[in-house]
Amino acid sequence: MSPDVNALVQAPIWSQAAADQVGLMVYDELRRIARRHLRGEAEGHTLTTTALVHEAFLRLVDAPNVPRENRTRFLAAASVAMRRVLVDYARAHRAAKRGGGAVPLELHDALQAATDDAGRLLELDEALQRLALVAPRLAQVVECRFFGGMTEDDTAVALGMSPRTVRRDWLKAKGWLAVELTQD
């Protein structure tokens, strides 16, 4: 019988064997999350699903404060790591274009529209950082629901709150981000 993910990630220091086993146990879920993140990227994006999963996993293995309580929290952390990989990639891409220029934002769905290209992903990330300063819990809900593709119930488990609170926070966060992303 193979050990579960919770037992493997609760060790104070991950061994390479433990990291490999965790990776195999959640790899399909990590790929699903990565595909969701990449779905909104512009055509011709050079990061693949596999590359995104591997880069995020490498960041998680080396991070000292990775949630080790359960699989859902680990996957939420993986989703955040993937978002950060994409934001870093977008910044590098924008820097390579030497400024790029701002694109006017027309908002149909505040969150989905914001991930259409590197510039909009950066705008969303900046707005999410501002939200985290004012309401950290709302920002965490956005990371789980939008970037992680988690259900209300999964988000509730990952953040230790009720599904009703998640639903309420999700609506507040979407409204706040919609306003932020449509301002000049």
N, C-alpha and C. Protein backbone atom coordinates (compact mmCIF):
# COMPACT_ATOMS: atom_id res chain seq x y z
N MET A 1 0.84 -1.17 0.00
CA MET A 1 0.00 0.00 0.00
C MET A 1 0.90 1.24 0.00
N SER A 2 0.60 2.16 -0.88
CA SER A 2 1.42 3.36 -0.97
C SER A 2 0.91 4.40 0.02
N PRO A 3 1.81 5.22 0.57
CA PRO A 3 1.40 6.25 1.52
C PRO A 3 0.57 7.32 0.81
N ASP A 4 -0.29 8.01 1.58
CA ASP A 4 -1.09 9.06 0.96
C ASP A 4 -0.29 10.36 0.91
N VAL A 5 -0.79 11.30 0.13
CA VAL A 5 -0.11 12.58 -0.06
C VAL A 5 0.07 13.30 1.27
N ASN A 6 -0.95 13.26 2.12
CA ASN A 6 -0.86 13.96 3.39
C ASN A 6 0.33 13.48 4.21
N ALA A 7 0.52 12.18 4.27
CA ALA A 7 1.63 11.63 5.06
C ALA A 7 2.97 12.05 4.46
N LEU A 8 3.06 12.09 3.14
CA LEU A 8 4.32 12.42 2.50
C LEU A 8 4.70 13.89 2.68
N VAL A 9 3.73 14.79 2.55
CA VAL A 9 4.07 16.20 2.59
C VAL A 9 4.16 16.76 4.00
N GLN A 10 3.81 15.99 5.01
CA GLN A 10 3.89 16.49 6.37
C GLN A 10 5.28 16.34 6.97
N ALA A 11 6.17 15.67 6.27
CA ALA A 11 7.54 15.55 6.76
C ALA A 11 8.17 16.93 6.79
N PRO A 12 9.01 17.23 7.81
CA PRO A 12 9.60 18.57 7.91
C PRO A 12 10.46 18.92 6.71
N ILE A 13 11.14 17.97 6.15
CA ILE A 13 11.96 18.21 4.96
C ILE A 13 11.60 17.14 3.94
N TRP A 14 11.26 17.60 2.75
CA TRP A 14 10.88 16.65 1.72
C TRP A 14 12.12 15.95 1.18
N SER A 15 12.08 14.65 1.15
CA SER A 15 13.16 13.93 0.47
C SER A 15 12.82 13.93 -1.01
N GLN A 16 13.78 13.65 -1.84
CA GLN A 16 13.52 13.59 -3.28
C GLN A 16 12.50 12.50 -3.58
N ALA A 17 12.63 11.37 -2.88
CA ALA A 17 11.69 10.27 -3.10
C ALA A 17 10.27 10.68 -2.73
N ALA A 18 10.11 11.40 -1.61
CA ALA A 18 8.78 11.86 -1.20
C ALA A 18 8.22 12.85 -2.21
N ALA A 19 9.05 13.77 -2.66
CA ALA A 19 8.61 14.75 -3.66
C ALA A 19 8.18 14.05 -4.94
N ASP A 20 8.94 13.05 -5.36
CA ASP A 20 8.59 12.29 -6.57
C ASP A 20 7.25 11.58 -6.40
N GLN A 21 7.05 10.98 -5.20
CA GLN A 21 5.81 10.27 -4.97
C GLN A 21 4.61 11.21 -4.94
N VAL A 22 4.76 12.35 -4.29
CA VAL A 22 3.68 13.35 -4.26
C VAL A 22 3.36 13.80 -5.68
N GLY A 23 4.41 14.06 -6.44
CA GLY A 23 4.21 14.50 -7.82
C GLY A 23 3.41 13.49 -8.63
N LEU A 24 3.72 12.23 -8.49
CA LEU A 24 2.99 11.20 -9.23
C LEU A 24 1.54 11.10 -8.77
N MET A 25 1.32 11.27 -7.48
CA MET A 25 -0.02 11.11 -6.93
C MET A 25 -0.96 12.25 -7.33
N VAL A 26 -0.44 13.44 -7.53
CA VAL A 26 -1.30 14.58 -7.85
C VAL A 26 -1.02 15.14 -9.25
N TYR A 27 -0.22 14.45 -10.03
CA TYR A 27 0.21 14.97 -11.32
C TYR A 27 -0.97 15.27 -12.25
N ASP A 28 -1.94 14.38 -12.32
CA ASP A 28 -3.09 14.62 -13.21
C ASP A 28 -3.87 15.86 -12.77
N GLU A 29 -4.02 16.04 -11.47
CA GLU A 29 -4.73 17.22 -10.98
C GLU A 29 -3.93 18.49 -11.25
N LEU A 30 -2.62 18.41 -11.09
CA LEU A 30 -1.77 19.56 -11.39
C LEU A 30 -1.85 19.92 -12.87
N ARG A 31 -1.89 18.93 -13.74
CA ARG A 31 -2.01 19.19 -15.18
C ARG A 31 -3.36 19.84 -15.49
N ARG A 32 -4.42 19.42 -14.82
CA ARG A 32 -5.75 20.01 -15.04
C ARG A 32 -5.72 21.49 -14.65
N ILE A 33 -5.12 21.78 -13.51
CA ILE A 33 -5.02 23.17 -13.06
C ILE A 33 -4.17 23.98 -14.05
N ALA A 34 -3.07 23.40 -14.52
CA ALA A 34 -2.20 24.10 -15.47
C ALA A 34 -2.94 24.38 -16.78
N ARG A 35 -3.70 23.41 -17.25
CA ARG A 35 -4.47 23.63 -18.49
C ARG A 35 -5.46 24.78 -18.30
N ARG A 36 -6.06 24.84 -17.14
CA ARG A 36 -7.00 25.93 -16.86
C ARG A 36 -6.28 27.28 -16.89
N HIS A 37 -5.10 27.34 -16.29
CA HIS A 37 -4.32 28.58 -16.31
C HIS A 37 -3.93 28.96 -17.74
N LEU A 38 -3.53 27.99 -18.52
CA LEU A 38 -3.04 28.27 -19.87
C LEU A 38 -4.16 28.54 -20.86
N ARG A 39 -5.37 28.14 -20.54
CA ARG A 39 -6.50 28.33 -21.45
C ARG A 39 -6.69 29.79 -21.82
N GLY A 40 -6.43 30.69 -20.88
CA GLY A 40 -6.63 32.11 -21.14
C GLY A 40 -5.45 32.81 -21.77
N GLU A 41 -4.36 32.10 -21.97
CA GLU A 41 -3.17 32.73 -22.53
C GLU A 41 -3.32 32.96 -24.04
N ALA A 42 -2.58 33.92 -24.54
CA ALA A 42 -2.64 34.25 -25.96
C ALA A 42 -2.09 33.09 -26.80
N GLU A 43 -2.57 33.01 -28.03
CA GLU A 43 -2.09 31.99 -28.95
C GLU A 43 -0.59 32.19 -29.17
N GLY A 44 0.13 31.11 -29.24
CA GLY A 44 1.56 31.20 -29.44
C GLY A 44 2.33 31.24 -28.13
N HIS A 45 1.63 31.13 -27.02
CA HIS A 45 2.29 31.10 -25.71
C HIS A 45 3.24 29.91 -25.69
N THR A 46 4.46 30.12 -25.23
CA THR A 46 5.47 29.06 -25.35
C THR A 46 5.56 28.14 -24.13
N LEU A 47 4.90 28.47 -23.04
CA LEU A 47 4.89 27.55 -21.91
C LEU A 47 3.88 26.44 -22.16
N THR A 48 4.30 25.21 -21.98
CA THR A 48 3.39 24.08 -22.13
C THR A 48 2.80 23.72 -20.77
N THR A 49 1.77 22.90 -20.80
CA THR A 49 1.17 22.42 -19.56
C THR A 49 2.21 21.73 -18.70
N THR A 50 2.99 20.86 -19.31
CA THR A 50 4.01 20.12 -18.58
C THR A 50 5.04 21.06 -17.97
N ALA A 51 5.50 22.03 -18.74
CA ALA A 51 6.49 22.97 -18.23
C ALA A 51 5.94 23.77 -17.05
N LEU A 52 4.68 24.19 -17.15
CA LEU A 52 4.06 24.95 -16.08
C LEU A 52 3.95 24.10 -14.81
N VAL A 53 3.51 22.86 -14.95
CA VAL A 53 3.40 21.97 -13.80
C VAL A 53 4.76 21.78 -13.14
N HIS A 54 5.77 21.50 -13.95
CA HIS A 54 7.10 21.22 -13.41
C HIS A 54 7.69 22.46 -12.73
N GLU A 55 7.54 23.61 -13.34
CA GLU A 55 8.08 24.83 -12.75
C GLU A 55 7.39 25.15 -11.43
N ALA A 56 6.07 25.02 -11.40
CA ALA A 56 5.33 25.29 -10.16
C ALA A 56 5.71 24.28 -9.09
N PHE A 57 5.84 23.01 -9.47
CA PHE A 57 6.18 21.98 -8.49
C PHE A 57 7.57 22.22 -7.91
N LEU A 58 8.51 22.64 -8.76
CA LEU A 58 9.85 22.95 -8.26
C LEU A 58 9.82 24.09 -7.25
N ARG A 59 8.98 25.08 -7.51
CA ARG A 59 8.85 26.19 -6.56
C ARG A 59 8.24 25.72 -5.24
N LEU A 60 7.28 24.80 -5.33
CA LEU A 60 6.63 24.30 -4.12
C LEU A 60 7.57 23.46 -3.28
N VAL A 61 8.34 22.61 -3.91
CA VAL A 61 9.24 21.72 -3.18
C VAL A 61 10.27 22.53 -2.40
N ASP A 62 10.74 23.63 -2.97
CA ASP A 62 11.75 24.45 -2.32
C ASP A 62 11.18 25.47 -1.33
N ALA A 63 9.87 25.67 -1.35
CA ALA A 63 9.26 26.69 -0.48
C ALA A 63 9.12 26.16 0.95
N PRO A 64 9.46 26.99 1.92
CA PRO A 64 9.39 26.53 3.31
C PRO A 64 7.98 26.47 3.89
N ASN A 65 7.05 27.22 3.33
CA ASN A 65 5.71 27.30 3.92
C ASN A 65 4.62 26.70 3.05
N VAL A 66 4.91 25.62 2.35
CA VAL A 66 3.91 24.94 1.54
C VAL A 66 2.90 24.29 2.47
N PRO A 67 1.59 24.50 2.22
CA PRO A 67 0.58 23.86 3.07
C PRO A 67 0.72 22.35 3.00
N ARG A 68 0.88 21.73 4.14
CA ARG A 68 1.08 20.29 4.16
C ARG A 68 -0.09 19.56 4.85
N GLU A 69 -1.16 20.30 5.13
CA GLU A 69 -2.26 19.70 5.88
C GLU A 69 -3.02 18.64 5.08
N ASN A 70 -3.30 18.95 3.82
CA ASN A 70 -4.04 17.98 3.00
C ASN A 70 -3.85 18.28 1.52
N ARG A 71 -4.34 17.38 0.70
CA ARG A 71 -4.17 17.47 -0.75
C ARG A 71 -4.80 18.74 -1.31
N THR A 72 -5.97 19.11 -0.83
CA THR A 72 -6.66 20.27 -1.36
C THR A 72 -5.85 21.54 -1.14
N ARG A 73 -5.28 21.68 0.04
CA ARG A 73 -4.46 22.87 0.32
C ARG A 73 -3.17 22.85 -0.51
N PHE A 74 -2.62 21.69 -0.71
CA PHE A 74 -1.43 21.58 -1.56
C PHE A 74 -1.76 22.00 -2.99
N LEU A 75 -2.92 21.54 -3.50
CA LEU A 75 -3.32 21.91 -4.86
C LEU A 75 -3.61 23.40 -4.97
N ALA A 76 -4.16 23.99 -3.92
CA ALA A 76 -4.39 25.44 -3.93
C ALA A 76 -3.05 26.17 -3.99
N ALA A 77 -2.08 25.70 -3.23
CA ALA A 77 -0.74 26.31 -3.27
C ALA A 77 -0.12 26.12 -4.65
N ALA A 78 -0.35 24.97 -5.26
CA ALA A 78 0.18 24.71 -6.60
C ALA A 78 -0.43 25.67 -7.61
N SER A 79 -1.72 25.95 -7.47
CA SER A 79 -2.38 26.88 -8.37
C SER A 79 -1.79 28.28 -8.25
N VAL A 80 -1.53 28.70 -7.01
CA VAL A 80 -0.91 30.01 -6.79
C VAL A 80 0.48 30.04 -7.40
N ALA A 81 1.23 28.96 -7.22
CA ALA A 81 2.58 28.88 -7.79
C ALA A 81 2.51 28.97 -9.32
N MET A 82 1.52 28.32 -9.93
CA MET A 82 1.38 28.38 -11.39
C MET A 82 1.06 29.80 -11.84
N ARG A 83 0.19 30.46 -11.10
CA ARG A 83 -0.13 31.85 -11.44
C ARG A 83 1.12 32.70 -11.38
N ARG A 84 1.93 32.49 -10.37
CA ARG A 84 3.16 33.28 -10.23
C ARG A 84 4.15 32.98 -11.36
N VAL A 85 4.21 31.72 -11.79
CA VAL A 85 5.07 31.36 -12.93
C VAL A 85 4.60 32.13 -14.16
N LEU A 86 3.28 32.13 -14.40
CA LEU A 86 2.74 32.82 -15.57
C LEU A 86 2.95 34.33 -15.49
N VAL A 87 2.81 34.89 -14.30
CA VAL A 87 3.04 36.32 -14.13
C VAL A 87 4.50 36.64 -14.40
N ASP A 88 5.42 35.84 -13.87
CA ASP A 88 6.85 36.06 -14.13
C ASP A 88 7.14 35.94 -15.63
N TYR A 89 6.52 34.97 -16.26
CA TYR A 89 6.69 34.78 -17.70
C TYR A 89 6.18 36.00 -18.46
N ALA A 90 5.00 36.49 -18.06
CA ALA A 90 4.41 37.66 -18.73
C ALA A 90 5.29 38.90 -18.54
N ARG A 91 5.83 39.07 -17.34
CA ARG A 91 6.72 40.21 -17.10
C ARG A 91 7.95 40.13 -17.98
N ALA A 92 8.53 38.95 -18.07
CA ALA A 92 9.72 38.78 -18.92
C ALA A 92 9.38 39.04 -20.38
N HIS A 93 8.22 38.55 -20.80
CA HIS A 93 7.78 38.74 -22.19
C HIS A 93 7.55 40.23 -22.48
N ARG A 94 6.91 40.91 -21.54
CA ARG A 94 6.64 42.34 -21.71
C ARG A 94 7.96 43.13 -21.73
N ALA A 95 8.88 42.76 -20.86
CA ALA A 95 10.17 43.44 -20.82
C ALA A 95 10.92 43.23 -22.13
N ALA A 96 10.77 42.06 -22.71
CA ALA A 96 11.44 41.77 -23.97
C ALA A 96 10.89 42.66 -25.09
N LYS A 97 9.65 43.03 -24.97
CA LYS A 97 9.04 43.90 -25.98
C LYS A 97 9.32 45.37 -25.70
N ARG A 98 10.06 45.64 -24.64
CA ARG A 98 10.45 47.00 -24.24
C ARG A 98 9.26 47.92 -24.01
N GLY A 99 8.41 47.49 -23.13
CA GLY A 99 7.30 48.36 -22.73
C GLY A 99 5.97 47.93 -23.26
N GLY A 100 5.90 47.42 -24.45
CA GLY A 100 4.68 46.86 -24.98
C GLY A 100 3.53 47.82 -25.21
N GLY A 101 3.20 48.66 -24.31
CA GLY A 101 2.07 49.57 -24.46
C GLY A 101 0.81 48.98 -23.87
N ALA A 102 0.01 49.81 -23.28
CA ALA A 102 -1.21 49.35 -22.63
C ALA A 102 -2.30 49.11 -23.65
N VAL A 103 -3.11 48.12 -23.37
CA VAL A 103 -4.25 47.78 -24.21
C VAL A 103 -5.51 48.19 -23.46
N PRO A 104 -6.41 48.96 -24.11
CA PRO A 104 -7.65 49.33 -23.42
C PRO A 104 -8.42 48.07 -23.03
N LEU A 105 -8.96 48.06 -21.85
CA LEU A 105 -9.64 46.88 -21.33
C LEU A 105 -11.14 47.05 -21.42
N GLU A 106 -11.77 46.18 -22.21
CA GLU A 106 -13.22 46.12 -22.24
C GLU A 106 -13.60 44.91 -21.42
N LEU A 107 -14.46 45.11 -20.44
CA LEU A 107 -14.73 44.05 -19.48
C LEU A 107 -16.07 43.37 -19.76
N HIS A 108 -16.01 42.12 -20.18
CA HIS A 108 -17.24 41.32 -20.31
C HIS A 108 -17.34 40.45 -19.06
N ASP A 109 -16.30 39.74 -18.79
CA ASP A 109 -16.18 38.99 -17.55
C ASP A 109 -14.86 39.43 -16.96
N ALA A 110 -14.91 40.18 -15.89
CA ALA A 110 -13.72 40.84 -15.35
C ALA A 110 -12.53 39.91 -15.20
N LEU A 111 -12.74 38.73 -14.73
CA LEU A 111 -11.62 37.84 -14.49
C LEU A 111 -11.12 37.18 -15.77
N GLN A 112 -12.01 36.63 -16.57
CA GLN A 112 -11.57 35.91 -17.77
C GLN A 112 -10.92 36.84 -18.77
N ALA A 113 -11.49 38.01 -18.94
CA ALA A 113 -10.91 38.97 -19.89
C ALA A 113 -9.51 39.38 -19.48
N ALA A 114 -9.27 39.40 -18.18
CA ALA A 114 -7.97 39.85 -17.69
C ALA A 114 -6.85 38.88 -17.99
N THR A 115 -7.17 37.64 -18.33
CA THR A 115 -6.12 36.66 -18.59
C THR A 115 -5.91 36.40 -20.08
N ASP A 116 -6.49 37.22 -20.95
CA ASP A 116 -6.38 36.99 -22.39
C ASP A 116 -4.97 37.15 -22.92
N ASP A 117 -4.17 38.02 -22.37
CA ASP A 117 -2.80 38.17 -22.83
C ASP A 117 -1.91 38.56 -21.66
N ALA A 118 -0.64 38.65 -21.93
CA ALA A 118 0.33 38.90 -20.85
C ALA A 118 0.03 40.21 -20.13
N GLY A 119 -0.29 41.27 -20.86
CA GLY A 119 -0.57 42.56 -20.23
C GLY A 119 -1.77 42.51 -19.32
N ARG A 120 -2.80 41.85 -19.76
CA ARG A 120 -4.01 41.75 -18.94
C ARG A 120 -3.78 40.84 -17.74
N LEU A 121 -2.98 39.81 -17.91
CA LEU A 121 -2.66 38.95 -16.78
C LEU A 121 -1.92 39.75 -15.72
N LEU A 122 -1.01 40.62 -16.17
CA LEU A 122 -0.30 41.48 -15.22
C LEU A 122 -1.26 42.44 -14.52
N GLU A 123 -2.23 43.00 -15.27
CA GLU A 123 -3.22 43.88 -14.66
C GLU A 123 -4.02 43.14 -13.60
N LEU A 124 -4.43 41.91 -13.93
CA LEU A 124 -5.18 41.11 -12.97
C LEU A 124 -4.32 40.81 -11.75
N ASP A 125 -3.06 40.46 -11.95
CA ASP A 125 -2.19 40.16 -10.83
C ASP A 125 -2.01 41.38 -9.94
N GLU A 126 -1.83 42.55 -10.53
CA GLU A 126 -1.68 43.77 -9.75
C GLU A 126 -2.96 44.08 -8.98
N ALA A 127 -4.11 43.89 -9.63
CA ALA A 127 -5.39 44.12 -8.95
C ALA A 127 -5.57 43.12 -7.82
N LEU A 128 -5.18 41.88 -8.05
CA LEU A 128 -5.28 40.86 -7.01
C LEU A 128 -4.36 41.16 -5.84
N GLN A 129 -3.19 41.71 -6.11
CA GLN A 129 -2.29 42.11 -5.03
C GLN A 129 -2.89 43.26 -4.21
N ARG A 130 -3.55 44.21 -4.90
CA ARG A 130 -4.21 45.30 -4.18
C ARG A 130 -5.36 44.76 -3.33
N LEU A 131 -6.11 43.81 -3.88
CA LEU A 131 -7.20 43.18 -3.13
C LEU A 131 -6.64 42.47 -1.90
N ALA A 132 -5.51 41.80 -2.05
CA ALA A 132 -4.91 41.09 -0.92
C ALA A 132 -4.52 42.04 0.21
N LEU A 133 -4.18 43.27 -0.13
CA LEU A 133 -3.84 44.25 0.91
C LEU A 133 -5.08 44.69 1.69
N VAL A 134 -6.21 44.78 0.99
CA VAL A 134 -7.44 45.26 1.62
C VAL A 134 -8.23 44.11 2.24
N ALA A 135 -8.29 42.99 1.53
CA ALA A 135 -9.08 41.84 1.97
C ALA A 135 -8.37 40.55 1.56
N PRO A 136 -7.41 40.10 2.36
CA PRO A 136 -6.62 38.93 2.00
C PRO A 136 -7.46 37.67 1.74
N ARG A 137 -8.51 37.50 2.52
CA ARG A 137 -9.34 36.31 2.36
C ARG A 137 -10.02 36.29 0.98
N LEU A 138 -10.47 37.45 0.53
CA LEU A 138 -11.10 37.52 -0.80
C LEU A 138 -10.09 37.15 -1.88
N ALA A 139 -8.86 37.61 -1.74
CA ALA A 139 -7.82 37.29 -2.72
C ALA A 139 -7.54 35.78 -2.73
N GLN A 140 -7.55 35.16 -1.56
CA GLN A 140 -7.33 33.71 -1.51
C GLN A 140 -8.47 32.96 -2.20
N VAL A 141 -9.68 33.44 -2.02
CA VAL A 141 -10.83 32.80 -2.68
C VAL A 141 -10.68 32.90 -4.20
N VAL A 142 -10.26 34.05 -4.70
CA VAL A 142 -10.05 34.22 -6.14
C VAL A 142 -8.97 33.25 -6.64
N GLU A 143 -7.88 33.14 -5.90
CA GLU A 143 -6.80 32.24 -6.31
C GLU A 143 -7.29 30.80 -6.41
N CYS A 144 -8.09 30.38 -5.43
CA CYS A 144 -8.60 29.00 -5.46
C CYS A 144 -9.65 28.80 -6.54
N ARG A 145 -10.65 29.69 -6.58
CA ARG A 145 -11.78 29.50 -7.49
C ARG A 145 -11.40 29.76 -8.94
N PHE A 146 -10.78 30.90 -9.20
CA PHE A 146 -10.51 31.28 -10.59
C PHE A 146 -9.26 30.60 -11.12
N PHE A 147 -8.15 30.76 -10.42
CA PHE A 147 -6.90 30.22 -10.92
C PHE A 147 -6.80 28.72 -10.68
N GLY A 148 -7.31 28.25 -9.56
CA GLY A 148 -7.22 26.82 -9.25
C GLY A 148 -8.35 26.00 -9.82
N GLY A 149 -9.42 26.67 -10.26
CA GLY A 149 -10.55 25.93 -10.81
C GLY A 149 -11.27 25.10 -9.76
N MET A 150 -11.14 25.47 -8.50
CA MET A 150 -11.74 24.71 -7.42
C MET A 150 -13.22 25.02 -7.28
N THR A 151 -13.95 24.05 -6.79
CA THR A 151 -15.36 24.25 -6.48
C THR A 151 -15.47 25.04 -5.18
N GLU A 152 -16.69 25.46 -4.86
CA GLU A 152 -16.89 26.15 -3.59
C GLU A 152 -16.50 25.25 -2.43
N ASP A 153 -16.88 23.97 -2.52
CA ASP A 153 -16.57 23.05 -1.42
C ASP A 153 -15.06 22.84 -1.27
N ASP A 154 -14.35 22.67 -2.39
CA ASP A 154 -12.89 22.50 -2.33
C ASP A 154 -12.22 23.75 -1.77
N THR A 155 -12.72 24.90 -2.19
CA THR A 155 -12.16 26.17 -1.70
C THR A 155 -12.41 26.29 -0.20
N ALA A 156 -13.60 25.90 0.24
CA ALA A 156 -13.92 25.95 1.66
C ALA A 156 -12.96 25.08 2.47
N VAL A 157 -12.68 23.89 1.98
CA VAL A 157 -11.74 23.00 2.67
C VAL A 157 -10.34 23.60 2.66
N ALA A 158 -9.91 24.09 1.50
CA ALA A 158 -8.56 24.63 1.38
C ALA A 158 -8.33 25.83 2.29
N LEU A 159 -9.37 26.65 2.47
CA LEU A 159 -9.20 27.87 3.25
C LEU A 159 -9.79 27.78 4.66
N GLY A 160 -10.39 26.63 4.98
CA GLY A 160 -10.93 26.45 6.32
C GLY A 160 -12.13 27.33 6.63
N MET A 161 -13.05 27.43 5.68
CA MET A 161 -14.26 28.23 5.89
C MET A 161 -15.46 27.48 5.32
N SER A 162 -16.64 28.01 5.52
CA SER A 162 -17.85 27.34 5.02
C SER A 162 -18.05 27.66 3.54
N PRO A 163 -18.72 26.75 2.81
CA PRO A 163 -19.02 27.02 1.40
C PRO A 163 -19.84 28.30 1.21
N ARG A 164 -20.72 28.60 2.16
CA ARG A 164 -21.52 29.82 2.06
C ARG A 164 -20.63 31.06 2.13
N THR A 165 -19.63 31.04 3.01
CA THR A 165 -18.68 32.15 3.11
C THR A 165 -17.88 32.27 1.83
N VAL A 166 -17.49 31.14 1.27
CA VAL A 166 -16.74 31.15 0.00
C VAL A 166 -17.59 31.80 -1.09
N ARG A 167 -18.86 31.40 -1.18
CA ARG A 167 -19.77 31.95 -2.20
C ARG A 167 -19.88 33.46 -2.05
N ARG A 168 -20.08 33.92 -0.82
CA ARG A 168 -20.22 35.35 -0.54
C ARG A 168 -18.91 36.11 -0.87
N ASP A 169 -17.78 35.55 -0.45
CA ASP A 169 -16.49 36.19 -0.73
C ASP A 169 -16.19 36.21 -2.22
N TRP A 170 -16.56 35.16 -2.93
CA TRP A 170 -16.34 35.07 -4.38
C TRP A 170 -17.09 36.19 -5.09
N LEU A 171 -18.35 36.42 -4.71
CA LEU A 171 -19.13 37.49 -5.32
C LEU A 171 -18.53 38.86 -5.01
N LYS A 172 -18.11 39.07 -3.77
CA LYS A 172 -17.50 40.34 -3.39
C LYS A 172 -16.20 40.57 -4.18
N ALA A 173 -15.39 39.53 -4.26
CA ALA A 173 -14.09 39.66 -4.95
C ALA A 173 -14.28 39.94 -6.43
N LYS A 174 -15.22 39.24 -7.07
CA LYS A 174 -15.46 39.49 -8.50
C LYS A 174 -15.92 40.92 -8.74
N GLY A 175 -16.79 41.43 -7.87
CA GLY A 175 -17.26 42.80 -8.01
C GLY A 175 -16.12 43.80 -7.83
N TRP A 176 -15.30 43.57 -6.81
CA TRP A 176 -14.17 44.47 -6.54
C TRP A 176 -13.20 44.47 -7.71
N LEU A 177 -12.86 43.28 -8.22
CA LEU A 177 -11.93 43.19 -9.34
C LEU A 177 -12.51 43.80 -10.60
N ALA A 178 -13.80 43.64 -10.82
CA ALA A 178 -14.44 44.23 -12.01
C ALA A 178 -14.26 45.73 -12.00
N VAL A 179 -14.46 46.35 -10.84
CA VAL A 179 -14.28 47.80 -10.73
C VAL A 179 -12.82 48.17 -10.96
N GLU A 180 -11.91 47.46 -10.32
CA GLU A 180 -10.48 47.75 -10.44
C GLU A 180 -9.98 47.62 -11.87
N LEU A 181 -10.45 46.61 -12.58
CA LEU A 181 -9.95 46.34 -13.93
C LEU A 181 -10.56 47.24 -14.99
N THR A 182 -11.64 47.93 -14.65
CA THR A 182 -12.24 48.83 -15.64
C THR A 182 -11.84 50.28 -15.42
N GLN A 183 -11.14 50.57 -14.33
CA GLN A 183 -10.68 51.95 -14.08
C GLN A 183 -9.48 52.26 -14.98
N ASP A 184 -9.36 53.49 -15.35
CA ASP A 184 -8.24 53.90 -16.22
C ASP A 184 -6.98 53.91 -15.49
